[in-house]
Amino acid sequence: MKFKAIVFDIDGTAIPTQLNATPSLRLIKTIKNAQKRVKICAATGRSLPHARKILQSLDLKDPCIISGGTQIIDPTTEKTLWEKRLSELQVTQVMKLYYPYSYNVGFSDEIEGMPAKNKKIHGSERII
């Protein structure tokens, strides 16, 4: 069987599941060599701000799946090639479930969230 592309998971597979984790030199070299033969794509639950340094350090060229599968981007330009968003109504319904709790909630590309009761909804979102 001849492969045309490899899609690999980032967190817990390619790198440890930590906010500031970085790929090993071995992984970087492996990907560089594999890119000569097949398309190499990363998949992650991280939004772009959380995935950016990893994607850059791996020097990926082919589309990558980010934000829990809700977005496909070109890692070289960071342009969105495809996305699926929750409607404003869906965001509102989900946020109502969070109101009783004090932990922080973030939307789409936010690095830091805030308690749900202080959060303003401004439209659709990719992830909550």
N, C-alpha and C. Protein backbone atom coordinates (compact mmCIF):
# COMPACT_ATOMS: atom_id res chain seq x y z
N MET A 1 0.85 -1.17 0.00
CA MET A 1 0.00 0.00 0.00
C MET A 1 0.90 1.24 0.00
N LYS A 2 0.58 2.19 -0.86
CA LYS A 2 1.36 3.41 -0.94
C LYS A 2 0.57 4.56 -0.32
N PHE A 3 1.16 5.25 0.65
CA PHE A 3 0.51 6.35 1.33
C PHE A 3 0.77 7.65 0.59
N LYS A 4 -0.23 8.54 0.60
CA LYS A 4 -0.08 9.86 0.00
C LYS A 4 0.02 10.94 1.06
N ALA A 5 -0.50 10.63 2.26
CA ALA A 5 -0.48 11.61 3.35
C ALA A 5 -0.45 10.90 4.69
N ILE A 6 0.10 11.59 5.67
CA ILE A 6 0.09 11.12 7.05
C ILE A 6 -0.46 12.26 7.90
N VAL A 7 -1.48 11.95 8.68
CA VAL A 7 -2.04 12.92 9.63
C VAL A 7 -1.70 12.39 11.01
N PHE A 8 -1.00 13.20 11.81
CA PHE A 8 -0.61 12.75 13.14
C PHE A 8 -1.16 13.69 14.20
N ASP A 9 -1.44 13.13 15.35
CA ASP A 9 -1.95 13.88 16.50
C ASP A 9 -0.78 14.54 17.22
N ILE A 10 -1.01 15.73 17.74
CA ILE A 10 0.05 16.44 18.45
C ILE A 10 0.07 16.04 19.93
N ASP A 11 -0.96 16.39 20.67
CA ASP A 11 -0.95 16.22 22.13
C ASP A 11 -1.04 14.77 22.57
N GLY A 12 -0.07 14.37 23.36
CA GLY A 12 -0.05 13.02 23.89
C GLY A 12 0.46 11.99 22.90
N THR A 13 0.72 12.40 21.68
CA THR A 13 1.24 11.48 20.66
C THR A 13 2.61 11.99 20.18
N ALA A 14 2.62 13.14 19.52
CA ALA A 14 3.87 13.70 19.01
C ALA A 14 4.65 14.43 20.10
N ILE A 15 3.93 15.06 21.01
CA ILE A 15 4.57 15.79 22.11
C ILE A 15 3.76 15.55 23.38
N PRO A 16 4.35 15.82 24.54
CA PRO A 16 3.58 15.68 25.78
C PRO A 16 2.42 16.68 25.82
N THR A 17 1.37 16.33 26.52
CA THR A 17 0.22 17.21 26.65
C THR A 17 0.51 18.27 27.72
N GLN A 18 1.22 19.30 27.30
CA GLN A 18 1.57 20.43 28.16
C GLN A 18 1.49 21.69 27.32
N LEU A 19 1.10 22.79 27.94
CA LEU A 19 0.91 24.04 27.21
C LEU A 19 2.15 24.48 26.44
N ASN A 20 3.34 24.39 27.05
CA ASN A 20 4.56 24.87 26.39
C ASN A 20 5.45 23.75 25.88
N ALA A 21 4.90 22.59 25.64
CA ALA A 21 5.69 21.46 25.14
C ALA A 21 6.18 21.75 23.73
N THR A 22 7.36 21.22 23.40
CA THR A 22 7.92 21.40 22.06
C THR A 22 8.30 20.05 21.47
N PRO A 23 8.31 19.96 20.15
CA PRO A 23 8.67 18.69 19.51
C PRO A 23 10.16 18.37 19.71
N SER A 24 10.48 17.10 19.76
CA SER A 24 11.87 16.67 19.88
C SER A 24 12.59 16.87 18.55
N LEU A 25 13.91 16.94 18.61
CA LEU A 25 14.71 17.04 17.38
C LEU A 25 14.49 15.82 16.50
N ARG A 26 14.31 14.66 17.12
CA ARG A 26 14.05 13.43 16.36
C ARG A 26 12.76 13.55 15.56
N LEU A 27 11.70 14.07 16.18
CA LEU A 27 10.44 14.25 15.48
C LEU A 27 10.58 15.26 14.34
N ILE A 28 11.26 16.35 14.60
CA ILE A 28 11.46 17.38 13.57
C ILE A 28 12.18 16.79 12.36
N LYS A 29 13.24 16.01 12.60
CA LYS A 29 13.99 15.38 11.50
C LYS A 29 13.13 14.35 10.77
N THR A 30 12.37 13.57 11.52
CA THR A 30 11.50 12.55 10.92
C THR A 30 10.48 13.19 9.98
N ILE A 31 9.87 14.28 10.43
CA ILE A 31 8.87 14.96 9.61
C ILE A 31 9.52 15.56 8.37
N LYS A 32 10.67 16.17 8.54
CA LYS A 32 11.37 16.77 7.39
C LYS A 32 11.67 15.71 6.33
N ASN A 33 12.12 14.54 6.76
CA ASN A 33 12.40 13.46 5.81
C ASN A 33 11.12 12.93 5.17
N ALA A 34 10.08 12.78 5.95
CA ALA A 34 8.82 12.25 5.43
C ALA A 34 8.17 13.21 4.43
N GLN A 35 8.37 14.52 4.62
CA GLN A 35 7.79 15.51 3.71
C GLN A 35 8.32 15.38 2.29
N LYS A 36 9.44 14.71 2.12
CA LYS A 36 9.99 14.49 0.78
C LYS A 36 9.19 13.45 0.00
N ARG A 37 8.40 12.63 0.74
CA ARG A 37 7.68 11.53 0.10
C ARG A 37 6.16 11.63 0.16
N VAL A 38 5.65 12.21 1.25
CA VAL A 38 4.20 12.28 1.43
C VAL A 38 3.82 13.63 2.06
N LYS A 39 2.55 13.93 2.01
CA LYS A 39 2.05 15.12 2.70
C LYS A 39 1.97 14.80 4.19
N ILE A 40 2.42 15.73 5.02
CA ILE A 40 2.43 15.54 6.47
C ILE A 40 1.53 16.61 7.08
N CYS A 41 0.52 16.17 7.82
CA CYS A 41 -0.47 17.07 8.40
C CYS A 41 -0.62 16.78 9.89
N ALA A 42 -0.70 17.82 10.69
CA ALA A 42 -0.91 17.67 12.13
C ALA A 42 -2.40 17.85 12.44
N ALA A 43 -2.83 17.21 13.51
CA ALA A 43 -4.19 17.38 14.01
C ALA A 43 -4.09 17.65 15.51
N THR A 44 -4.87 18.62 15.98
CA THR A 44 -4.81 18.97 17.39
C THR A 44 -6.12 19.60 17.86
N GLY A 45 -6.38 19.46 19.13
CA GLY A 45 -7.50 20.15 19.74
C GLY A 45 -7.17 21.60 20.04
N ARG A 46 -5.90 21.96 19.95
CA ARG A 46 -5.47 23.32 20.26
C ARG A 46 -5.94 24.32 19.20
N SER A 47 -6.24 25.52 19.66
CA SER A 47 -6.53 26.61 18.71
C SER A 47 -5.19 27.13 18.18
N LEU A 48 -5.23 27.98 17.17
CA LEU A 48 -4.00 28.45 16.53
C LEU A 48 -3.02 29.09 17.51
N PRO A 49 -3.43 29.98 18.40
CA PRO A 49 -2.44 30.56 19.31
C PRO A 49 -1.71 29.53 20.17
N HIS A 50 -2.38 28.43 20.51
CA HIS A 50 -1.77 27.38 21.32
C HIS A 50 -0.96 26.40 20.46
N ALA A 51 -1.24 26.32 19.17
CA ALA A 51 -0.56 25.37 18.29
C ALA A 51 0.55 26.02 17.45
N ARG A 52 0.53 27.33 17.32
CA ARG A 52 1.41 28.05 16.41
C ARG A 52 2.89 27.64 16.53
N LYS A 53 3.46 27.70 17.73
CA LYS A 53 4.89 27.41 17.90
C LYS A 53 5.23 25.97 17.51
N ILE A 54 4.32 25.06 17.80
CA ILE A 54 4.55 23.66 17.45
C ILE A 54 4.55 23.49 15.93
N LEU A 55 3.53 24.03 15.28
CA LEU A 55 3.44 23.92 13.82
C LEU A 55 4.64 24.56 13.14
N GLN A 56 5.07 25.71 13.66
CA GLN A 56 6.23 26.40 13.09
C GLN A 56 7.51 25.59 13.30
N SER A 57 7.69 25.03 14.49
CA SER A 57 8.92 24.29 14.76
C SER A 57 9.00 23.00 13.92
N LEU A 58 7.85 22.45 13.56
CA LEU A 58 7.82 21.27 12.71
C LEU A 58 7.94 21.63 11.23
N ASP A 59 7.84 22.92 10.91
CA ASP A 59 7.96 23.43 9.54
C ASP A 59 6.99 22.71 8.59
N LEU A 60 5.75 22.56 9.06
CA LEU A 60 4.73 21.89 8.25
C LEU A 60 4.30 22.76 7.09
N LYS A 61 4.04 22.14 5.96
CA LYS A 61 3.66 22.85 4.73
C LYS A 61 2.23 22.54 4.30
N ASP A 62 1.74 21.37 4.68
CA ASP A 62 0.43 20.92 4.22
C ASP A 62 -0.65 21.28 5.23
N PRO A 63 -1.92 21.34 4.79
CA PRO A 63 -3.01 21.74 5.69
C PRO A 63 -3.02 20.96 7.00
N CYS A 64 -3.35 21.65 8.09
CA CYS A 64 -3.40 21.05 9.42
C CYS A 64 -4.79 21.26 10.02
N ILE A 65 -5.20 20.29 10.81
CA ILE A 65 -6.50 20.31 11.47
C ILE A 65 -6.27 20.81 12.90
N ILE A 66 -6.95 21.89 13.26
CA ILE A 66 -6.78 22.48 14.59
C ILE A 66 -8.13 22.74 15.24
N SER A 67 -8.09 23.27 16.43
CA SER A 67 -9.31 23.64 17.16
C SER A 67 -10.30 22.49 17.28
N GLY A 68 -9.77 21.32 17.62
CA GLY A 68 -10.63 20.16 17.83
C GLY A 68 -11.36 19.69 16.58
N GLY A 69 -10.77 19.95 15.41
CA GLY A 69 -11.39 19.53 14.15
C GLY A 69 -12.33 20.54 13.55
N THR A 70 -12.48 21.70 14.18
CA THR A 70 -13.40 22.71 13.66
C THR A 70 -12.76 23.65 12.65
N GLN A 71 -11.47 23.48 12.41
CA GLN A 71 -10.76 24.39 11.52
C GLN A 71 -9.62 23.66 10.81
N ILE A 72 -9.46 23.92 9.52
CA ILE A 72 -8.31 23.45 8.76
C ILE A 72 -7.59 24.69 8.26
N ILE A 73 -6.28 24.74 8.53
CA ILE A 73 -5.51 25.92 8.15
C ILE A 73 -4.32 25.54 7.27
N ASP A 74 -3.82 26.53 6.56
CA ASP A 74 -2.54 26.43 5.89
C ASP A 74 -1.51 26.86 6.94
N PRO A 75 -0.63 25.97 7.39
CA PRO A 75 0.28 26.33 8.48
C PRO A 75 1.34 27.35 8.09
N THR A 76 1.58 27.55 6.81
CA THR A 76 2.59 28.54 6.41
C THR A 76 2.03 29.95 6.41
N THR A 77 0.76 30.11 6.03
CA THR A 77 0.15 31.44 5.98
C THR A 77 -0.80 31.68 7.15
N GLU A 78 -1.19 30.61 7.83
CA GLU A 78 -2.17 30.62 8.91
C GLU A 78 -3.57 31.00 8.44
N LYS A 79 -3.80 30.95 7.15
CA LYS A 79 -5.13 31.24 6.61
C LYS A 79 -6.04 30.03 6.82
N THR A 80 -7.30 30.32 7.14
CA THR A 80 -8.29 29.27 7.32
C THR A 80 -8.74 28.77 5.95
N LEU A 81 -8.65 27.47 5.76
CA LEU A 81 -9.10 26.84 4.50
C LEU A 81 -10.53 26.34 4.63
N TRP A 82 -10.91 25.98 5.85
CA TRP A 82 -12.26 25.47 6.14
C TRP A 82 -12.50 25.61 7.63
N GLU A 83 -13.74 25.87 8.02
CA GLU A 83 -14.09 25.87 9.44
C GLU A 83 -15.57 25.60 9.62
N LYS A 84 -15.92 25.12 10.79
CA LYS A 84 -17.30 24.89 11.19
C LYS A 84 -17.48 25.57 12.54
N ARG A 85 -18.44 26.45 12.63
CA ARG A 85 -18.64 27.23 13.85
C ARG A 85 -19.95 26.87 14.54
N LEU A 86 -19.98 27.07 15.85
CA LEU A 86 -21.21 26.99 16.61
C LEU A 86 -21.97 28.29 16.39
N SER A 87 -23.27 28.23 16.25
CA SER A 87 -24.07 29.45 16.07
C SER A 87 -24.09 30.22 17.39
N GLU A 88 -24.49 31.48 17.32
CA GLU A 88 -24.59 32.29 18.53
C GLU A 88 -25.59 31.67 19.51
N LEU A 89 -26.68 31.10 18.99
CA LEU A 89 -27.65 30.43 19.85
C LEU A 89 -27.02 29.23 20.56
N GLN A 90 -26.26 28.43 19.83
CA GLN A 90 -25.59 27.28 20.44
C GLN A 90 -24.59 27.72 21.51
N VAL A 91 -23.84 28.78 21.23
CA VAL A 91 -22.88 29.31 22.20
C VAL A 91 -23.62 29.73 23.48
N THR A 92 -24.73 30.43 23.29
CA THR A 92 -25.53 30.89 24.44
C THR A 92 -26.02 29.70 25.26
N GLN A 93 -26.51 28.67 24.59
CA GLN A 93 -27.01 27.49 25.29
C GLN A 93 -25.90 26.79 26.08
N VAL A 94 -24.73 26.66 25.50
CA VAL A 94 -23.61 26.02 26.18
C VAL A 94 -23.18 26.87 27.37
N MET A 95 -23.10 28.17 27.18
CA MET A 95 -22.64 29.06 28.25
C MET A 95 -23.58 29.01 29.45
N LYS A 96 -24.87 28.82 29.23
CA LYS A 96 -25.82 28.72 30.34
C LYS A 96 -25.46 27.55 31.26
N LEU A 97 -24.88 26.51 30.70
CA LEU A 97 -24.46 25.35 31.50
C LEU A 97 -23.26 25.70 32.38
N TYR A 98 -22.44 26.65 31.94
CA TYR A 98 -21.24 27.03 32.67
C TYR A 98 -21.49 28.03 33.80
N TYR A 99 -22.58 28.78 33.74
CA TYR A 99 -22.81 29.88 34.68
C TYR A 99 -22.65 29.52 36.16
N PRO A 100 -23.08 28.35 36.61
CA PRO A 100 -22.94 28.04 38.05
C PRO A 100 -21.50 27.79 38.51
N TYR A 101 -20.57 27.64 37.57
CA TYR A 101 -19.20 27.25 37.92
C TYR A 101 -18.24 28.44 37.83
N SER A 102 -17.17 28.41 38.62
CA SER A 102 -16.25 29.54 38.69
C SER A 102 -15.02 29.39 37.80
N TYR A 103 -14.85 28.25 37.14
CA TYR A 103 -13.64 28.09 36.32
C TYR A 103 -13.74 28.92 35.04
N ASN A 104 -12.57 29.21 34.47
CA ASN A 104 -12.50 30.06 33.28
C ASN A 104 -12.97 29.35 32.03
N VAL A 105 -13.60 30.11 31.14
CA VAL A 105 -14.08 29.62 29.86
C VAL A 105 -13.48 30.51 28.78
N GLY A 106 -12.98 29.90 27.72
CA GLY A 106 -12.42 30.67 26.61
C GLY A 106 -13.12 30.32 25.32
N PHE A 107 -13.14 31.27 24.40
CA PHE A 107 -13.72 31.06 23.07
C PHE A 107 -12.61 30.98 22.02
N SER A 108 -12.84 30.20 20.99
CA SER A 108 -12.02 30.08 19.79
C SER A 108 -10.53 30.27 20.02
N ASP A 109 -9.98 31.44 19.71
CA ASP A 109 -8.54 31.65 19.75
C ASP A 109 -8.03 32.32 21.01
N GLU A 110 -8.86 32.44 22.02
CA GLU A 110 -8.43 33.09 23.26
C GLU A 110 -7.38 32.25 23.97
N ILE A 111 -6.39 32.92 24.51
CA ILE A 111 -5.36 32.24 25.28
C ILE A 111 -5.85 32.05 26.71
N GLU A 112 -6.46 33.08 27.28
CA GLU A 112 -6.98 33.00 28.64
C GLU A 112 -8.48 33.29 28.62
N GLY A 113 -9.20 32.57 29.42
CA GLY A 113 -10.64 32.80 29.50
C GLY A 113 -10.98 33.61 30.73
N MET A 114 -12.23 33.56 31.08
CA MET A 114 -12.72 34.22 32.29
C MET A 114 -13.95 33.46 32.77
N PRO A 115 -14.39 33.69 34.00
CA PRO A 115 -15.60 33.00 34.47
C PRO A 115 -16.78 33.23 33.52
N ALA A 116 -17.55 32.20 33.30
CA ALA A 116 -18.66 32.26 32.35
C ALA A 116 -19.61 33.42 32.63
N LYS A 117 -19.88 33.72 33.90
CA LYS A 117 -20.83 34.79 34.22
C LYS A 117 -20.32 36.16 33.79
N ASN A 118 -19.02 36.31 33.56
CA ASN A 118 -18.43 37.59 33.10
C ASN A 118 -18.20 37.64 31.60
N LYS A 119 -18.44 36.53 30.91
CA LYS A 119 -18.13 36.40 29.50
C LYS A 119 -19.23 37.00 28.63
N LYS A 120 -18.85 37.75 27.63
CA LYS A 120 -19.79 38.33 26.67
C LYS A 120 -19.80 37.46 25.41
N ILE A 121 -20.97 37.20 24.90
CA ILE A 121 -21.13 36.43 23.67
C ILE A 121 -21.33 37.43 22.53
N HIS A 122 -20.47 37.30 21.51
CA HIS A 122 -20.51 38.26 20.41
C HIS A 122 -20.82 37.60 19.07
N GLY A 123 -21.29 36.39 19.08
CA GLY A 123 -21.60 35.73 17.81
C GLY A 123 -21.20 34.27 17.84
N SER A 124 -20.90 33.74 16.66
CA SER A 124 -20.54 32.33 16.54
C SER A 124 -19.11 32.11 17.03
N GLU A 125 -18.80 30.85 17.36
CA GLU A 125 -17.46 30.47 17.83
C GLU A 125 -17.13 29.09 17.29
N ARG A 126 -15.83 28.81 17.15
CA ARG A 126 -15.39 27.47 16.75
C ARG A 126 -15.39 26.52 17.94
N ILE A 127 -14.84 26.99 19.05
CA ILE A 127 -14.75 26.14 20.23
C ILE A 127 -15.07 26.96 21.48
N ILE A 128 -15.49 26.27 22.51
CA ILE A 128 -15.72 26.89 23.82
C ILE A 128 -14.86 26.11 24.79
